[in-house]
Amino acid sequence: MEYTDQMKNRVKRIEGQLRGILKMMDENKDCKEVITQLSATRSAIDRTIGVIVSSNLVDCVQKAETQGEKSMEELVKEAVNLLVKSR
């Protein structure tokens, strides 16, 4: 699996969000503000998982077609299982 710069940038952004949340906690910010930022971070992680799984599915399908390893149905099931496990 090749991780694109776009994927890496998403993770770096999430890292920045988490550092910001820690700073907010150190500054004793309001609970509501912290929870809002945590929710935003969780959403960003979920979207990143989706991007990685969908990219991985495309790569796997292309490889499977050329190598005849797995059926498309098996690959789609694996991708769905990855998404379900992430929640």
Protein backbone atom coordinates (compact mmCIF):
# COMPACT_ATOMS: atom_id res chain seq x y z
CA MET A 1 0.00 0.00 0.00
CA GLU A 2 1.32 3.38 -0.94
CA TYR A 3 0.28 6.20 1.35
CA THR A 4 -0.12 9.44 -0.58
CA ASP A 5 0.95 12.86 0.60
CA GLN A 6 -2.75 13.69 0.92
CA MET A 7 -3.22 10.81 3.40
CA LYS A 8 -0.13 11.80 5.36
CA ASN A 9 -1.25 15.44 5.47
CA ARG A 10 -4.61 14.36 6.89
CA VAL A 11 -2.83 12.51 9.70
CA LYS A 12 -0.55 15.49 10.35
CA ARG A 13 -3.62 17.74 10.59
CA ILE A 14 -5.17 15.32 13.09
CA GLU A 15 -1.92 15.34 15.05
CA GLY A 16 -2.12 19.14 15.21
CA GLN A 17 -5.72 18.95 16.38
CA LEU A 18 -4.75 16.57 19.17
CA ARG A 19 -1.89 18.82 20.27
CA GLY A 20 -4.36 21.71 20.32
CA ILE A 21 -6.73 19.69 22.50
CA LEU A 22 -3.93 18.91 24.95
CA LYS A 23 -3.10 22.62 25.10
CA MET A 24 -6.77 23.42 25.75
CA MET A 25 -6.76 20.90 28.61
CA ASP A 26 -3.57 22.40 30.05
CA GLU A 27 -5.26 25.80 29.94
CA ASN A 28 -8.37 24.36 31.66
CA LYS A 29 -10.66 25.33 28.79
CA ASP A 30 -14.37 24.66 29.02
CA CYS A 31 -15.39 21.01 28.75
CA LYS A 32 -17.76 21.77 25.88
CA GLU A 33 -14.95 23.28 23.79
CA VAL A 34 -12.68 20.28 24.42
CA ILE A 35 -15.42 17.79 23.54
CA THR A 36 -16.23 19.73 20.36
CA GLN A 37 -12.60 19.50 19.27
CA LEU A 38 -12.40 15.81 20.18
CA SER A 39 -15.49 15.14 18.08
CA ALA A 40 -13.98 17.03 15.15
CA THR A 41 -10.81 14.96 15.50
CA ARG A 42 -12.78 11.72 15.58
CA SER A 43 -14.60 12.76 12.39
CA ALA A 44 -11.28 13.55 10.72
CA ILE A 45 -9.94 10.13 11.71
CA ASP A 46 -13.07 8.43 10.34
CA ARG A 47 -12.71 10.25 7.02
CA THR A 48 -9.02 9.32 6.83
CA ILE A 49 -9.86 5.67 7.46
CA GLY A 50 -12.38 5.83 4.63
CA VAL A 51 -9.82 7.32 2.24
CA ILE A 52 -7.22 4.69 3.11
CA VAL A 53 -9.66 1.77 2.88
CA SER A 54 -11.08 2.95 -0.44
CA SER A 55 -7.61 3.49 -1.89
CA ASN A 56 -6.53 0.10 -0.62
CA LEU A 57 -9.60 -1.50 -2.20
CA VAL A 58 -8.78 0.02 -5.57
CA ASP A 59 -5.17 -1.23 -5.32
CA CYS A 60 -6.29 -4.71 -4.24
CA VAL A 61 -8.86 -5.00 -7.01
CA GLN A 62 -6.32 -3.97 -9.63
CA LYS A 63 -3.76 -6.46 -8.31
CA ALA A 64 -6.33 -9.24 -7.97
CA GLU A 65 -7.47 -8.75 -11.55
CA THR A 66 -3.94 -9.12 -12.86
CA GLN A 67 -2.95 -11.95 -10.52
CA GLY A 68 -6.32 -13.67 -10.12
CA GLU A 69 -5.86 -14.03 -6.34
CA LYS A 70 -9.20 -13.02 -4.84
CA SER A 71 -12.61 -12.30 -6.22
CA MET A 72 -13.94 -8.77 -6.22
CA GLU A 73 -16.64 -9.88 -3.78
CA GLU A 74 -14.00 -11.07 -1.28
CA LEU A 75 -12.12 -7.79 -1.56
CA VAL A 76 -15.25 -5.71 -1.03
CA LYS A 77 -16.14 -7.81 2.04
CA GLU A 78 -12.65 -7.23 3.46
CA ALA A 79 -12.96 -3.49 2.91
CA VAL A 80 -16.36 -3.39 4.59
CA ASN A 81 -15.01 -5.39 7.53
CA LEU A 82 -12.16 -2.90 7.92
CA LEU A 83 -14.62 -0.03 8.02
CA VAL A 84 -16.87 -1.82 10.53
CA LYS A 85 -13.90 -2.64 12.80
CA SER A 86 -12.82 0.99 12.77
CA ARG A 87 -16.12 2.05 14.37
